[in-house]
Amino acid sequence: MELDAFTIMPNHLHGIVVIHEQCRGTLQRAPTQTERFARPTSNSIPTIVRLFKSATTTRINVLRGAPGMPVWQRGYYEHVVRNEQELTAIRQYIQANPAQWDEDENNPDFAAR
């Protein structure tokens, strides 16, 4: 797995996760497979996102001395990139996204208007 284009926003991030062939090769399933409550599916996108959010929230809150404070937006959006044209368009969206922060509905300053 590797991270392709990405940008980090104040309360979320945009990124392209590239999933390479499975090393272990014993379990054949889509990485976007839905998990059942309290039964994570190893190496699935939901598990990867949950572990990333948990680990980074813990680390960020230690650094800012604010244990238990939320860091990320709830949930996430996933999409399987199917061709080079789509990949290029998504990379451009990710690169341009920070310029849209002032109008983002999740921006606390925007919500206060």
N, C-alpha and C. Protein backbone atom coordinates (compact mmCIF):
# COMPACT_ATOMS: atom_id res chain seq x y z
N MET A 1 0.84 -1.17 0.00
CA MET A 1 0.00 0.00 0.00
C MET A 1 0.89 1.23 0.00
N GLU A 2 0.47 2.28 -0.72
CA GLU A 2 1.20 3.54 -0.70
C GLU A 2 0.21 4.69 -0.83
N LEU A 3 0.65 5.86 -0.42
CA LEU A 3 -0.16 7.07 -0.53
C LEU A 3 0.29 7.83 -1.77
N ASP A 4 -0.63 8.08 -2.68
CA ASP A 4 -0.36 8.83 -3.90
C ASP A 4 -0.56 10.31 -3.56
N ALA A 5 -1.25 11.05 -4.38
CA ALA A 5 -1.51 12.47 -4.13
C ALA A 5 -2.31 12.62 -2.84
N PHE A 6 -1.99 13.66 -2.05
CA PHE A 6 -2.76 13.92 -0.84
C PHE A 6 -2.62 15.38 -0.45
N THR A 7 -3.58 15.85 0.35
CA THR A 7 -3.49 17.16 0.98
C THR A 7 -4.15 17.06 2.34
N ILE A 8 -3.56 17.72 3.32
CA ILE A 8 -4.08 17.68 4.68
C ILE A 8 -4.78 19.00 4.96
N MET A 9 -6.05 18.90 5.33
CA MET A 9 -6.87 20.05 5.66
C MET A 9 -6.97 20.13 7.19
N PRO A 10 -7.55 21.21 7.72
CA PRO A 10 -7.62 21.35 9.18
C PRO A 10 -8.36 20.21 9.90
N ASN A 11 -9.41 19.64 9.29
CA ASN A 11 -10.14 18.58 9.99
C ASN A 11 -10.41 17.35 9.12
N HIS A 12 -9.73 17.25 8.00
CA HIS A 12 -9.85 16.08 7.13
C HIS A 12 -8.68 16.06 6.16
N LEU A 13 -8.60 15.01 5.40
CA LEU A 13 -7.57 14.96 4.37
C LEU A 13 -8.15 14.34 3.12
N HIS A 14 -7.52 14.62 2.03
CA HIS A 14 -7.87 14.01 0.74
C HIS A 14 -6.64 13.23 0.31
N GLY A 15 -6.84 12.02 -0.15
CA GLY A 15 -5.70 11.24 -0.59
C GLY A 15 -6.11 10.07 -1.44
N ILE A 16 -5.15 9.59 -2.17
CA ILE A 16 -5.33 8.40 -2.99
C ILE A 16 -4.45 7.31 -2.39
N VAL A 17 -5.10 6.24 -1.97
CA VAL A 17 -4.38 5.10 -1.42
C VAL A 17 -4.26 4.07 -2.54
N VAL A 18 -3.03 3.68 -2.84
CA VAL A 18 -2.78 2.67 -3.86
C VAL A 18 -2.57 1.34 -3.14
N ILE A 19 -3.40 0.38 -3.48
CA ILE A 19 -3.29 -0.94 -2.86
C ILE A 19 -2.66 -1.88 -3.88
N HIS A 20 -1.49 -2.38 -3.54
CA HIS A 20 -0.77 -3.31 -4.42
C HIS A 20 -1.25 -4.73 -4.15
N GLU A 21 -0.75 -5.64 -4.91
CA GLU A 21 -1.10 -7.05 -4.72
C GLU A 21 -0.90 -7.44 -3.27
N GLN A 22 -1.78 -8.30 -2.80
CA GLN A 22 -1.66 -8.76 -1.42
C GLN A 22 -0.44 -9.65 -1.28
N CYS A 23 0.32 -9.43 -0.22
CA CYS A 23 1.53 -10.23 0.01
C CYS A 23 1.17 -11.65 0.43
N ARG A 24 0.19 -11.77 1.31
CA ARG A 24 -0.11 -13.08 1.87
C ARG A 24 -0.93 -13.93 0.91
N GLY A 25 -1.80 -13.29 0.12
CA GLY A 25 -2.52 -13.95 -0.95
C GLY A 25 -3.52 -15.02 -0.56
N THR A 26 -3.83 -15.20 0.71
CA THR A 26 -4.73 -16.28 1.09
C THR A 26 -6.18 -15.85 1.09
N LEU A 27 -6.45 -14.59 1.27
CA LEU A 27 -7.83 -14.13 1.34
C LEU A 27 -8.12 -13.27 0.12
N GLN A 28 -9.04 -13.68 -0.71
CA GLN A 28 -9.38 -12.94 -1.92
C GLN A 28 -10.70 -12.22 -1.70
N ARG A 29 -10.66 -10.91 -1.61
CA ARG A 29 -11.86 -10.09 -1.44
C ARG A 29 -11.52 -8.66 -1.81
N ALA A 30 -12.56 -7.89 -2.05
CA ALA A 30 -12.35 -6.48 -2.38
C ALA A 30 -11.91 -5.74 -1.13
N PRO A 31 -10.95 -4.80 -1.25
CA PRO A 31 -10.48 -4.06 -0.07
C PRO A 31 -11.54 -3.12 0.49
N THR A 32 -12.64 -2.91 -0.25
CA THR A 32 -13.72 -2.05 0.24
C THR A 32 -14.82 -2.84 0.93
N GLN A 33 -14.56 -4.11 1.18
CA GLN A 33 -15.54 -5.01 1.79
C GLN A 33 -16.09 -4.40 3.08
N THR A 34 -17.38 -4.48 3.25
CA THR A 34 -18.04 -3.96 4.44
C THR A 34 -17.68 -4.82 5.65
N GLU A 35 -17.47 -4.15 6.76
CA GLU A 35 -17.17 -4.86 8.00
C GLU A 35 -18.45 -5.07 8.78
N ARG A 36 -18.47 -6.11 9.57
CA ARG A 36 -19.56 -6.30 10.51
C ARG A 36 -19.16 -5.66 11.82
N PHE A 37 -20.13 -5.15 12.56
CA PHE A 37 -19.86 -4.46 13.81
C PHE A 37 -18.96 -5.31 14.70
N ALA A 38 -17.89 -4.68 15.18
CA ALA A 38 -16.92 -5.28 16.11
C ALA A 38 -16.15 -6.44 15.49
N ARG A 39 -16.19 -6.58 14.16
CA ARG A 39 -15.43 -7.63 13.50
C ARG A 39 -14.69 -7.04 12.32
N PRO A 40 -13.59 -6.33 12.58
CA PRO A 40 -12.85 -5.69 11.48
C PRO A 40 -12.32 -6.72 10.49
N THR A 41 -12.29 -6.31 9.24
CA THR A 41 -11.74 -7.14 8.18
C THR A 41 -10.32 -6.66 7.92
N SER A 42 -9.35 -7.50 8.16
CA SER A 42 -7.95 -7.15 8.01
C SER A 42 -7.66 -6.60 6.63
N ASN A 43 -6.87 -5.52 6.57
CA ASN A 43 -6.42 -4.88 5.33
C ASN A 43 -7.54 -4.30 4.47
N SER A 44 -8.73 -4.10 5.04
CA SER A 44 -9.81 -3.47 4.29
C SER A 44 -9.69 -1.95 4.44
N ILE A 45 -10.29 -1.22 3.50
CA ILE A 45 -10.27 0.24 3.58
C ILE A 45 -10.88 0.72 4.90
N PRO A 46 -12.05 0.21 5.33
CA PRO A 46 -12.60 0.68 6.61
C PRO A 46 -11.62 0.48 7.78
N THR A 47 -10.94 -0.65 7.82
CA THR A 47 -9.99 -0.91 8.90
C THR A 47 -8.79 0.02 8.81
N ILE A 48 -8.27 0.22 7.61
CA ILE A 48 -7.12 1.11 7.42
C ILE A 48 -7.48 2.53 7.85
N VAL A 49 -8.65 3.02 7.42
CA VAL A 49 -9.07 4.39 7.77
C VAL A 49 -9.26 4.52 9.28
N ARG A 50 -9.94 3.55 9.89
CA ARG A 50 -10.18 3.61 11.34
C ARG A 50 -8.87 3.62 12.12
N LEU A 51 -7.93 2.75 11.74
CA LEU A 51 -6.65 2.70 12.44
C LEU A 51 -5.85 3.98 12.24
N PHE A 52 -5.87 4.54 11.03
CA PHE A 52 -5.18 5.80 10.76
C PHE A 52 -5.76 6.92 11.62
N LYS A 53 -7.08 7.04 11.62
CA LYS A 53 -7.73 8.11 12.39
C LYS A 53 -7.44 7.96 13.89
N SER A 54 -7.51 6.75 14.38
CA SER A 54 -7.26 6.50 15.80
C SER A 54 -5.83 6.85 16.19
N ALA A 55 -4.87 6.34 15.43
CA ALA A 55 -3.45 6.57 15.75
C ALA A 55 -3.09 8.04 15.65
N THR A 56 -3.56 8.71 14.59
CA THR A 56 -3.20 10.12 14.43
C THR A 56 -3.91 11.00 15.45
N THR A 57 -5.15 10.67 15.79
CA THR A 57 -5.86 11.45 16.81
C THR A 57 -5.13 11.36 18.14
N THR A 58 -4.72 10.17 18.51
CA THR A 58 -3.98 9.99 19.77
C THR A 58 -2.71 10.83 19.76
N ARG A 59 -1.96 10.73 18.70
CA ARG A 59 -0.68 11.46 18.59
C ARG A 59 -0.90 12.99 18.59
N ILE A 60 -1.85 13.45 17.80
CA ILE A 60 -2.15 14.89 17.72
C ILE A 60 -2.58 15.42 19.09
N ASN A 61 -3.44 14.68 19.76
CA ASN A 61 -3.93 15.15 21.06
C ASN A 61 -2.84 15.13 22.14
N VAL A 62 -1.90 14.21 22.06
CA VAL A 62 -0.76 14.24 22.98
C VAL A 62 0.07 15.50 22.72
N LEU A 63 0.33 15.77 21.45
CA LEU A 63 1.14 16.95 21.10
C LEU A 63 0.49 18.27 21.49
N ARG A 64 -0.82 18.34 21.39
CA ARG A 64 -1.51 19.59 21.73
C ARG A 64 -2.07 19.60 23.14
N GLY A 65 -1.81 18.54 23.90
CA GLY A 65 -2.24 18.48 25.30
C GLY A 65 -3.74 18.53 25.46
N ALA A 66 -4.46 17.85 24.57
CA ALA A 66 -5.92 17.88 24.60
C ALA A 66 -6.48 16.47 24.42
N PRO A 67 -6.28 15.60 25.42
CA PRO A 67 -6.76 14.22 25.27
C PRO A 67 -8.28 14.17 25.07
N GLY A 68 -8.70 13.29 24.18
CA GLY A 68 -10.12 13.08 23.95
C GLY A 68 -10.79 14.06 23.00
N MET A 69 -10.07 15.05 22.52
CA MET A 69 -10.67 16.02 21.60
C MET A 69 -10.78 15.42 20.20
N PRO A 70 -11.88 15.71 19.50
CA PRO A 70 -11.99 15.21 18.13
C PRO A 70 -11.00 15.91 17.21
N VAL A 71 -10.53 15.20 16.22
CA VAL A 71 -9.59 15.76 15.25
C VAL A 71 -10.20 15.70 13.86
N TRP A 72 -10.73 14.55 13.48
CA TRP A 72 -11.19 14.32 12.12
C TRP A 72 -12.71 14.40 12.02
N GLN A 73 -13.20 14.67 10.80
CA GLN A 73 -14.63 14.58 10.52
C GLN A 73 -15.07 13.13 10.71
N ARG A 74 -16.35 12.94 11.00
CA ARG A 74 -16.88 11.57 11.10
C ARG A 74 -16.94 10.96 9.70
N GLY A 75 -16.77 9.67 9.62
CA GLY A 75 -16.91 8.95 8.37
C GLY A 75 -15.81 9.27 7.37
N TYR A 76 -16.00 8.79 6.17
CA TYR A 76 -15.06 9.04 5.08
C TYR A 76 -15.75 8.65 3.78
N TYR A 77 -15.16 9.05 2.68
CA TYR A 77 -15.67 8.72 1.35
C TYR A 77 -14.61 7.90 0.64
N GLU A 78 -15.03 6.81 0.03
CA GLU A 78 -14.10 6.00 -0.74
C GLU A 78 -14.62 5.82 -2.15
N HIS A 79 -13.71 5.67 -3.08
CA HIS A 79 -14.06 5.52 -4.48
C HIS A 79 -12.95 4.72 -5.17
N VAL A 80 -13.31 3.73 -5.95
CA VAL A 80 -12.33 2.95 -6.70
C VAL A 80 -12.03 3.71 -8.00
N VAL A 81 -10.77 4.05 -8.19
CA VAL A 81 -10.33 4.76 -9.40
C VAL A 81 -10.18 3.72 -10.51
N ARG A 82 -10.87 3.96 -11.63
CA ARG A 82 -10.95 2.93 -12.66
C ARG A 82 -10.08 3.16 -13.89
N ASN A 83 -9.56 4.40 -14.07
CA ASN A 83 -8.73 4.63 -15.26
C ASN A 83 -7.85 5.86 -15.05
N GLU A 84 -6.93 6.07 -15.96
CA GLU A 84 -5.96 7.18 -15.85
C GLU A 84 -6.64 8.55 -15.88
N GLN A 85 -7.67 8.70 -16.70
CA GLN A 85 -8.38 9.98 -16.79
C GLN A 85 -9.00 10.35 -15.44
N GLU A 86 -9.63 9.38 -14.82
CA GLU A 86 -10.22 9.59 -13.51
C GLU A 86 -9.15 9.89 -12.47
N LEU A 87 -8.05 9.18 -12.53
CA LEU A 87 -6.94 9.40 -11.60
C LEU A 87 -6.41 10.83 -11.73
N THR A 88 -6.23 11.30 -12.95
CA THR A 88 -5.76 12.66 -13.18
C THR A 88 -6.74 13.69 -12.61
N ALA A 89 -8.03 13.49 -12.84
CA ALA A 89 -9.05 14.42 -12.35
C ALA A 89 -9.06 14.45 -10.81
N ILE A 90 -8.92 13.30 -10.18
CA ILE A 90 -8.92 13.25 -8.72
C ILE A 90 -7.65 13.91 -8.16
N ARG A 91 -6.53 13.68 -8.78
CA ARG A 91 -5.29 14.35 -8.35
C ARG A 91 -5.43 15.87 -8.44
N GLN A 92 -6.05 16.36 -9.51
CA GLN A 92 -6.26 17.81 -9.66
C GLN A 92 -7.20 18.34 -8.58
N TYR A 93 -8.25 17.60 -8.28
CA TYR A 93 -9.19 17.99 -7.22
C TYR A 93 -8.45 18.09 -5.87
N ILE A 94 -7.64 17.09 -5.58
CA ILE A 94 -6.89 17.08 -4.32
C ILE A 94 -5.96 18.29 -4.24
N GLN A 95 -5.27 18.58 -5.33
CA GLN A 95 -4.34 19.70 -5.34
C GLN A 95 -5.06 21.04 -5.18
N ALA A 96 -6.24 21.18 -5.76
CA ALA A 96 -6.98 22.45 -5.73
C ALA A 96 -7.81 22.62 -4.46
N ASN A 97 -8.05 21.56 -3.71
CA ASN A 97 -8.97 21.60 -2.58
C ASN A 97 -8.66 22.63 -1.51
N PRO A 98 -7.41 22.83 -1.10
CA PRO A 98 -7.15 23.83 -0.06
C PRO A 98 -7.67 25.22 -0.39
N ALA A 99 -7.72 25.58 -1.65
CA ALA A 99 -8.24 26.90 -2.05
C ALA A 99 -9.73 27.02 -1.77
N GLN A 100 -10.42 25.90 -1.56
CA GLN A 100 -11.86 25.90 -1.30
C GLN A 100 -12.21 25.93 0.19
N TRP A 101 -11.23 25.92 1.08
CA TRP A 101 -11.47 25.80 2.52
C TRP A 101 -12.36 26.91 3.06
N ASP A 102 -12.21 28.13 2.56
CA ASP A 102 -13.03 29.24 3.06
C ASP A 102 -14.53 28.99 2.86
N GLU A 103 -14.89 28.21 1.86
CA GLU A 103 -16.30 27.93 1.56
C GLU A 103 -16.74 26.54 1.99
N ASP A 104 -15.89 25.81 2.70
CA ASP A 104 -16.21 24.44 3.13
C ASP A 104 -17.20 24.48 4.28
N GLU A 105 -18.27 23.69 4.18
CA GLU A 105 -19.29 23.68 5.23
C GLU A 105 -18.76 23.16 6.57
N ASN A 106 -17.63 22.45 6.55
CA ASN A 106 -17.02 21.96 7.78
C ASN A 106 -16.00 22.94 8.37
N ASN A 107 -15.80 24.06 7.73
CA ASN A 107 -14.92 25.11 8.24
C ASN A 107 -15.69 25.87 9.32
N PRO A 108 -15.22 25.88 10.56
CA PRO A 108 -15.94 26.57 11.62
C PRO A 108 -16.20 28.05 11.31
N ASP A 109 -15.29 28.71 10.61
CA ASP A 109 -15.50 30.12 10.25
C ASP A 109 -16.63 30.26 9.23
N PHE A 110 -16.76 29.29 8.31
CA PHE A 110 -17.83 29.33 7.32
C PHE A 110 -19.18 29.12 8.00
N ALA A 111 -19.24 28.19 8.93
CA ALA A 111 -20.49 27.88 9.64
C ALA A 111 -20.96 29.06 10.50
N ALA A 112 -20.04 29.89 10.96
CA ALA A 112 -20.39 31.02 11.82
C ALA A 112 -20.97 32.19 11.04
N ARG A 113 -20.88 32.17 9.72
CA ARG A 113 -21.39 33.29 8.92
C ARG A 113 -22.90 33.32 8.90
